[in-house]
Amino acid sequence: MSIITLTLARSHMKIDADMIDDELLQLYIDAAEQYCSNYLGKDLADLDTVPADIKIAILRLVAYYHEVRNLASFGVSIQMAPQSINSILDSYREEWFTDGA
């Protein structure tokens, strides 16, 4: 089950239901939630409650995926996620790639 609903994502992005297909928007939501889970090194579903700033990070990433959806076809180099999203998630990350090295 998604942490972010289609309604909340649309509200955040200020778009109407007829401006983007539900399936595509859900794909962006799923991808954003998976990115955050991977970055944190734990499944968001395992959290008792998802902190508000992690939800904001997911919403920002959903909007980012929507906004840059065509840039790759023109050969523009883009980041996987804006630094502001990673900055939010950093405070919840328990392990780093250099831990134990």
C-alpha atoms as a PDB file:
ATOM      1  CA  MET A   1       0.000   0.000   0.000  1.00  0.00           C
ATOM      2  CA  SER A   2       1.279   3.422  -0.928  1.00  0.00           C
ATOM      3  CA  ILE A   3       2.160   5.994   1.673  1.00  0.00           C
ATOM      4  CA  ILE A   4       1.130   8.771  -0.705  1.00  0.00           C
ATOM      5  CA  THR A   5      -2.333   8.738  -2.274  1.00  0.00           C
ATOM      6  CA  LEU A   6      -3.128   9.856  -5.807  1.00  0.00           C
ATOM      7  CA  THR A   7      -5.253  12.666  -4.359  1.00  0.00           C
ATOM      8  CA  LEU A   8      -2.426  13.954  -2.171  1.00  0.00           C
ATOM      9  CA  ALA A   9       0.065  13.795  -5.055  1.00  0.00           C
ATOM     10  CA  ARG A  10      -2.318  15.697  -7.346  1.00  0.00           C
ATOM     11  CA  SER A  11      -2.912  18.303  -4.654  1.00  0.00           C
ATOM     12  CA  HIS A  12       0.832  18.731  -4.098  1.00  0.00           C
ATOM     13  CA  MET A  13       1.471  19.095  -7.831  1.00  0.00           C
ATOM     14  CA  LYS A  14      -1.627  21.276  -8.322  1.00  0.00           C
ATOM     15  CA  ILE A  15      -2.879  19.171 -11.227  1.00  0.00           C
ATOM     16  CA  ASP A  16      -6.376  17.995 -12.100  1.00  0.00           C
ATOM     17  CA  ALA A  17      -7.294  14.355 -12.645  1.00  0.00           C
ATOM     18  CA  ASP A  18      -7.559  14.893 -16.397  1.00  0.00           C
ATOM     19  CA  MET A  19      -3.991  16.273 -16.625  1.00  0.00           C
ATOM     20  CA  ILE A  20      -2.229  12.968 -15.843  1.00  0.00           C
ATOM     21  CA  ASP A  21      -3.282   9.349 -16.053  1.00  0.00           C
ATOM     22  CA  ASP A  22      -3.791   7.602 -12.692  1.00  0.00           C
ATOM     23  CA  GLU A  23      -1.575   4.700 -13.723  1.00  0.00           C
ATOM     24  CA  LEU A  24       1.306   7.001 -14.644  1.00  0.00           C
ATOM     25  CA  LEU A  25       0.991   9.051 -11.457  1.00  0.00           C
ATOM     26  CA  GLN A  26       0.882   5.845  -9.381  1.00  0.00           C
ATOM     27  CA  LEU A  27       4.048   4.696 -11.160  1.00  0.00           C
ATOM     28  CA  TYR A  28       5.791   7.938 -10.095  1.00  0.00           C
ATOM     29  CA  ILE A  29       4.544   7.452  -6.517  1.00  0.00           C
ATOM     30  CA  ASP A  30       5.725   3.827  -6.418  1.00  0.00           C
ATOM     31  CA  ALA A  31       9.120   4.768  -7.868  1.00  0.00           C
ATOM     32  CA  ALA A  32       9.562   7.654  -5.412  1.00  0.00           C
ATOM     33  CA  GLU A  33       8.663   5.469  -2.442  1.00  0.00           C
ATOM     34  CA  GLN A  34      11.043   2.758  -3.655  1.00  0.00           C
ATOM     35  CA  TYR A  35      13.844   5.304  -4.142  1.00  0.00           C
ATOM     36  CA  CYS A  36      13.362   6.537  -0.574  1.00  0.00           C
ATOM     37  CA  SER A  37      13.290   2.984   0.799  1.00  0.00           C
ATOM     38  CA  ASN A  38      16.458   2.089  -1.088  1.00  0.00           C
ATOM     39  CA  TYR A  39      18.210   5.284  -0.009  1.00  0.00           C
ATOM     40  CA  LEU A  40      17.319   4.708   3.633  1.00  0.00           C
ATOM     41  CA  GLY A  41      18.167   1.026   3.483  1.00  0.00           C
ATOM     42  CA  LYS A  42      14.823  -0.006   4.971  1.00  0.00           C
ATOM     43  CA  ASP A  43      11.287  -0.534   3.792  1.00  0.00           C
ATOM     44  CA  LEU A  44       9.064   2.443   4.545  1.00  0.00           C
ATOM     45  CA  ALA A  45       6.242  -0.001   5.305  1.00  0.00           C
ATOM     46  CA  ASP A  46       8.279  -1.208   8.295  1.00  0.00           C
ATOM     47  CA  LEU A  47       8.050   2.204   9.977  1.00  0.00           C
ATOM     48  CA  ASP A  48       5.324   2.568  12.597  1.00  0.00           C
ATOM     49  CA  THR A  49       4.524   5.997  11.218  1.00  0.00           C
ATOM     50  CA  VAL A  50       6.154   7.709   8.272  1.00  0.00           C
ATOM     51  CA  PRO A  51       7.490  11.107   9.362  1.00  0.00           C
ATOM     52  CA  ALA A  52       5.995  14.131   7.629  1.00  0.00           C
ATOM     53  CA  ASP A  53       9.292  15.226   6.108  1.00  0.00           C
ATOM     54  CA  ILE A  54       9.770  11.816   4.460  1.00  0.00           C
ATOM     55  CA  LYS A  55       6.283  12.215   2.969  1.00  0.00           C
ATOM     56  CA  ILE A  56       7.349  15.654   1.708  1.00  0.00           C
ATOM     57  CA  ALA A  57      10.469  14.098   0.168  1.00  0.00           C
ATOM     58  CA  ILE A  58       8.305  11.515  -1.619  1.00  0.00           C
ATOM     59  CA  LEU A  59       5.916  14.189  -2.883  1.00  0.00           C
ATOM     60  CA  ARG A  60       8.813  16.310  -4.141  1.00  0.00           C
ATOM     61  CA  LEU A  61      10.271  13.299  -5.925  1.00  0.00           C
ATOM     62  CA  VAL A  62       6.912  12.446  -7.527  1.00  0.00           C
ATOM     63  CA  ALA A  63       6.688  16.020  -8.835  1.00  0.00           C
ATOM     64  CA  TYR A  64      10.308  15.840 -10.029  1.00  0.00           C
ATOM     65  CA  TYR A  65       9.673  12.610 -11.943  1.00  0.00           C
ATOM     66  CA  HIS A  66       6.662  14.235 -13.599  1.00  0.00           C
ATOM     67  CA  GLU A  67       8.495  17.448 -14.450  1.00  0.00           C
ATOM     68  CA  VAL A  68      11.590  15.813 -15.967  1.00  0.00           C
ATOM     69  CA  ARG A  69       9.831  12.942 -17.732  1.00  0.00           C
ATOM     70  CA  ASN A  70      10.903  14.103 -21.213  1.00  0.00           C
ATOM     71  CA  LEU A  71      14.385  15.477 -20.540  1.00  0.00           C
ATOM     72  CA  ALA A  72      16.181  12.173 -20.995  1.00  0.00           C
ATOM     73  CA  SER A  73      14.907  11.877 -24.553  1.00  0.00           C
ATOM     74  CA  PHE A  74      16.747  15.082 -25.438  1.00  0.00           C
ATOM     75  CA  GLY A  75      20.017  13.906 -23.954  1.00  0.00           C
ATOM     76  CA  VAL A  76      19.934  16.232 -20.955  1.00  0.00           C
ATOM     77  CA  SER A  77      21.805  14.916 -17.947  1.00  0.00           C
ATOM     78  CA  ILE A  78      19.602  14.828 -14.866  1.00  0.00           C
ATOM     79  CA  GLN A  79      20.014  13.637 -11.295  1.00  0.00           C
ATOM     80  CA  MET A  80      18.164  10.620  -9.937  1.00  0.00           C
ATOM     81  CA  ALA A  81      16.820  12.919  -7.227  1.00  0.00           C
ATOM     82  CA  PRO A  82      17.407  16.540  -6.318  1.00  0.00           C
ATOM     83  CA  GLN A  83      19.836  17.093  -3.433  1.00  0.00           C
ATOM     84  CA  SER A  84      17.071  18.549  -1.263  1.00  0.00           C
ATOM     85  CA  ILE A  85      15.346  15.160  -1.227  1.00  0.00           C
ATOM     86  CA  ASN A  86      18.507  13.340  -0.236  1.00  0.00           C
ATOM     87  CA  SER A  87      19.132  15.958   2.467  1.00  0.00           C
ATOM     88  CA  ILE A  88      15.759  15.208   4.038  1.00  0.00           C
ATOM     89  CA  LEU A  89      16.363  11.465   3.911  1.00  0.00           C
ATOM     90  CA  ASP A  90      19.909  11.733   5.302  1.00  0.00           C
ATOM     91  CA  SER A  91      18.613  12.423   8.797  1.00  0.00           C
ATOM     92  CA  TYR A  92      16.843   9.033   8.817  1.00  0.00           C
ATOM     93  CA  ARG A  93      19.572   6.969   7.216  1.00  0.00           C
ATOM     94  CA  GLU A  94      21.135   4.569   9.705  1.00  0.00           C
ATOM     95  CA  GLU A  95      23.887   3.048   7.581  1.00  0.00           C
ATOM     96  CA  TRP A  96      26.208   4.563   4.993  1.00  0.00           C
ATOM     97  CA  PHE A  97      28.158   2.880   2.227  1.00  0.00           C
ATOM     98  CA  THR A  98      31.402   3.612   4.069  1.00  0.00           C
ATOM     99  CA  ASP A  99      30.254   2.087   7.372  1.00  0.00           C
ATOM    100  CA  GLY A 100      32.457  -0.801   8.429  1.00  0.00           C
ATOM    101  CA  ALA A 101      35.085  -0.111   5.789  1.00  0.00           C
END
